């Protein structure tokens, strides 16, 4: 089973008030690079979607064996990256697509391996917090890739997650729901809570 990983990194980081959350330093390197390295530890097929031109986000990925794709309609929202990822995975013939949000620094390679091992290739698999709150990563089976390829807007895949059977998999603590979108969230995370 070859599951490809999508890191949707084409967004604008608007809530960071001028800073780019994906360039914040985590474990000695830019978060986007660190997340790409974690993704590569579980899959040889990793796609990072980037805003038009790529900019510094593309630069921090230099030397990594990841596919990079500039998304011209990135301003539309998450659906633009999901469409690009679904089309890329279909072209590669992968059996599924794992969506790994790149602003979630607490997910480990071990967590991703746990999620992959639990995936049955038929049903959407979604990680949750230890107490059951839905989070990421999410794995979409091949049969749903055509639906991902026609999504629109900034809702991402919420409609698919609402209308299709989903297997939930708790991960330790809150790592499946810790995403850092604001300077305050970053400060609290760096302070340990």
Protein backbone atom coordinates (compact mmCIF):
# COMPACT_ATOMS: atom_id res chain seq x y z
CA UNK A 1 0.00 0.00 0.00
CA UNK A 2 1.53 3.30 -1.13
CA UNK A 3 -0.01 6.24 0.69
CA UNK A 4 1.08 9.66 -0.54
CA UNK A 5 1.28 12.59 1.86
CA UNK A 6 0.03 16.10 1.11
CA UNK A 7 1.33 19.05 3.10
CA UNK A 8 -1.04 21.88 2.11
CA UNK A 9 1.24 24.91 2.51
CA UNK A 10 -0.29 27.32 -0.01
CA UNK A 11 -2.23 29.40 2.55
CA UNK A 12 -1.44 32.97 3.50
CA UNK A 13 -0.92 32.74 7.31
CA UNK A 14 -3.28 35.71 7.66
CA UNK A 15 -3.88 35.25 11.39
CA UNK A 16 -0.14 35.49 12.12
CA UNK A 17 -0.22 39.29 11.58
CA UNK A 18 2.78 39.52 9.25
CA UNK A 19 4.69 36.42 10.32
CA UNK A 20 4.69 33.16 8.39
CA UNK A 21 3.77 30.30 10.71
CA UNK A 22 5.41 27.75 8.41
CA UNK A 23 8.76 29.52 8.71
CA UNK A 24 8.70 29.55 12.53
CA UNK A 25 11.68 27.61 13.90
CA UNK A 26 10.84 24.24 15.45
CA UNK A 27 13.50 21.76 16.56
CA UNK A 28 16.18 23.87 14.86
CA UNK A 29 14.59 24.34 11.43
CA UNK A 30 11.63 25.96 9.71
CA UNK A 31 8.38 24.21 10.63
CA UNK A 32 7.54 23.43 6.99
CA UNK A 33 10.88 21.70 6.44
CA UNK A 34 10.59 19.79 9.71
CA UNK A 35 7.07 18.61 8.82
CA UNK A 36 8.25 17.58 5.33
CA UNK A 37 11.03 15.52 6.92
CA UNK A 38 8.50 13.79 9.19
CA UNK A 39 6.27 13.07 6.17
CA UNK A 40 9.24 11.62 4.28
CA UNK A 41 9.88 9.24 7.16
CA UNK A 42 6.60 7.45 6.36
CA UNK A 43 6.23 7.93 2.57
CA UNK A 44 8.47 8.44 -0.43
CA UNK A 45 5.61 10.31 -2.12
CA UNK A 46 5.26 13.71 -0.47
CA UNK A 47 3.69 16.74 -2.12
CA UNK A 48 3.93 20.24 -0.70
CA UNK A 49 1.55 22.77 -2.20
CA UNK A 50 2.89 26.31 -2.19
CA UNK A 51 1.52 29.78 -2.89
CA UNK A 52 2.22 31.29 -6.32
CA UNK A 53 5.95 31.86 -6.64
CA UNK A 54 6.79 29.62 -3.68
CA UNK A 55 8.93 32.24 -1.94
CA UNK A 56 10.66 31.40 1.35
CA UNK A 57 8.50 28.33 1.79
CA UNK A 58 9.99 26.79 -1.34
CA UNK A 59 13.47 27.83 -0.22
CA UNK A 60 13.26 25.99 3.12
CA UNK A 61 12.44 22.77 1.24
CA UNK A 62 15.62 22.86 -0.84
CA UNK A 63 17.43 19.53 -0.90
CA UNK A 64 14.44 17.49 0.26
CA UNK A 65 13.04 14.85 -2.12
CA UNK A 66 9.51 16.25 -2.02
CA UNK A 67 7.35 17.29 -4.94
CA UNK A 68 6.48 20.97 -4.90
CA UNK A 69 3.50 22.47 -6.64
CA UNK A 70 2.64 26.16 -6.80
CA UNK A 71 -1.13 26.60 -6.51
CA UNK A 72 -2.25 29.58 -8.61
CA UNK A 73 -5.68 29.72 -6.96
CA UNK A 74 -4.32 29.35 -3.40
CA UNK A 75 -6.31 32.40 -2.25
CA UNK A 76 -9.47 30.30 -2.63
CA UNK A 77 -8.51 28.34 0.47
CA UNK A 78 -7.77 24.77 1.50
CA UNK A 79 -9.78 23.21 -1.35
CA UNK A 80 -7.24 24.47 -3.89
CA UNK A 81 -4.48 22.45 -2.21
CA UNK A 82 -6.73 19.41 -1.76
CA UNK A 83 -7.66 19.47 -5.45
CA UNK A 84 -4.01 19.70 -6.46
CA UNK A 85 -3.08 16.90 -4.07
CA UNK A 86 -5.86 14.61 -5.29
CA UNK A 87 -4.90 15.12 -8.93
CA UNK A 88 -1.22 14.52 -8.14
CA UNK A 89 -1.96 11.31 -6.22
CA UNK A 90 -4.25 9.99 -8.96
CA UNK A 91 -1.52 10.62 -11.55
CA UNK A 92 1.02 8.75 -9.39
CA UNK A 93 -1.25 5.79 -8.76
CA UNK A 94 -0.96 5.91 -4.96
CA UNK A 95 -3.53 3.95 -2.99
CA UNK A 96 -4.54 6.81 -0.71
CA UNK A 97 -3.82 10.39 0.30
CA UNK A 98 -2.81 11.43 3.81
CA UNK A 99 -3.47 15.11 4.47
CA UNK A 100 -0.98 16.37 7.05
CA UNK A 101 -1.47 20.00 8.00
CA UNK A 102 1.97 21.59 8.17
CA UNK A 103 1.18 23.81 11.15
CA UNK A 104 0.84 20.89 13.58
CA UNK A 105 4.27 20.49 15.21
CA UNK A 106 3.36 17.85 17.81
CA UNK A 107 2.62 14.98 15.41
CA UNK A 108 5.54 12.54 15.31
CA UNK A 109 6.66 10.03 12.71
CA UNK A 110 5.47 7.36 15.14
CA UNK A 111 1.99 8.93 15.17
CA UNK A 112 1.89 8.90 11.36
CA UNK A 113 2.96 5.25 11.31
CA UNK A 114 0.19 4.41 13.79
CA UNK A 115 -2.35 6.12 11.54
CA UNK A 116 -1.05 4.32 8.45
CA UNK A 117 -1.20 0.94 10.19
CA UNK A 118 -4.83 1.54 11.18
CA UNK A 119 -5.93 2.54 7.66
CA UNK A 120 -8.09 -0.14 5.99
CA UNK A 121 -7.82 1.32 2.42
CA UNK A 122 -11.63 1.65 2.21
CA UNK A 123 -12.78 4.13 4.86
CA UNK A 124 -11.57 7.64 5.65
CA UNK A 125 -9.32 7.51 8.70
CA UNK A 126 -9.12 10.58 10.91
CA UNK A 127 -6.88 11.08 13.90
CA UNK A 128 -8.40 12.57 17.05
CA UNK A 129 -7.16 13.89 20.33
CA UNK A 130 -6.99 11.41 23.17
CA UNK A 131 -10.47 12.53 24.27
CA UNK A 132 -11.97 12.12 20.79
CA UNK A 133 -11.90 15.61 19.24
CA UNK A 134 -11.42 15.25 15.45
CA UNK A 135 -8.09 16.41 14.08
CA UNK A 136 -5.34 15.41 11.68
CA UNK A 137 -3.87 13.66 9.84
CA UNK A 138 -6.70 12.36 7.68
CA UNK A 139 -6.28 9.58 5.12
CA UNK A 140 -8.60 9.48 2.12
CA UNK A 141 -8.89 6.20 0.17
CA UNK A 142 -8.40 6.17 -3.59
CA UNK A 143 -12.14 5.89 -4.25
CA UNK A 144 -12.67 9.39 -2.81
CA UNK A 145 -9.89 11.15 -4.72
CA UNK A 146 -12.23 12.21 -7.57
CA UNK A 147 -14.42 13.95 -4.98
CA UNK A 148 -11.41 15.68 -3.45
CA UNK A 149 -10.40 16.82 -6.94
CA UNK A 150 -13.60 18.90 -7.30
CA UNK A 151 -13.76 20.58 -3.89
CA UNK A 152 -14.09 24.34 -3.72
CA UNK A 153 -13.79 27.08 -1.10
CA UNK A 154 -12.06 27.20 2.25
CA UNK A 155 -14.10 24.41 3.84
CA UNK A 156 -11.50 21.87 2.86
CA UNK A 157 -12.92 18.35 2.97
CA UNK A 158 -15.46 19.01 5.75
CA UNK A 159 -18.39 17.89 3.58
CA UNK A 160 -16.68 14.58 2.78
CA UNK A 161 -15.86 14.05 6.43
CA UNK A 162 -19.46 14.79 7.35
CA UNK A 163 -21.15 12.73 4.61
CA UNK A 164 -18.92 9.64 4.44
CA UNK A 165 -18.08 6.92 6.98
CA UNK A 166 -15.02 7.93 9.00
CA UNK A 167 -12.92 5.76 11.30
CA UNK A 168 -11.60 7.78 14.23
CA UNK A 169 -8.22 6.98 15.76
CA UNK A 170 -7.21 8.63 19.06
CA UNK A 171 -3.61 9.78 19.36
CA UNK A 172 -1.96 10.69 22.68
CA UNK A 173 -2.82 14.02 24.27
CA UNK A 174 -3.81 16.84 21.95
CA UNK A 175 -1.21 16.35 19.24
CA UNK A 176 -3.87 15.60 16.58
CA UNK A 177 -5.54 18.96 17.20
CA UNK A 178 -2.65 21.29 18.08
CA UNK A 179 -2.30 23.64 15.15
CA UNK A 180 -0.62 26.97 15.56
CA UNK A 181 -2.30 29.77 13.61
CA UNK A 182 -1.68 32.88 15.73
CA UNK A 183 1.29 34.49 17.50
CA UNK A 184 -0.49 33.80 20.80
CA UNK A 185 -0.84 30.09 19.99
CA UNK A 186 2.86 29.95 19.15
CA UNK A 187 3.81 31.71 22.38
CA UNK A 188 1.65 29.36 24.46
CA UNK A 189 3.04 26.28 22.66
CA UNK A 190 6.63 27.44 23.18
CA UNK A 191 5.86 28.09 26.85
CA UNK A 192 4.70 24.50 27.17
CA UNK A 193 0.95 24.92 27.18
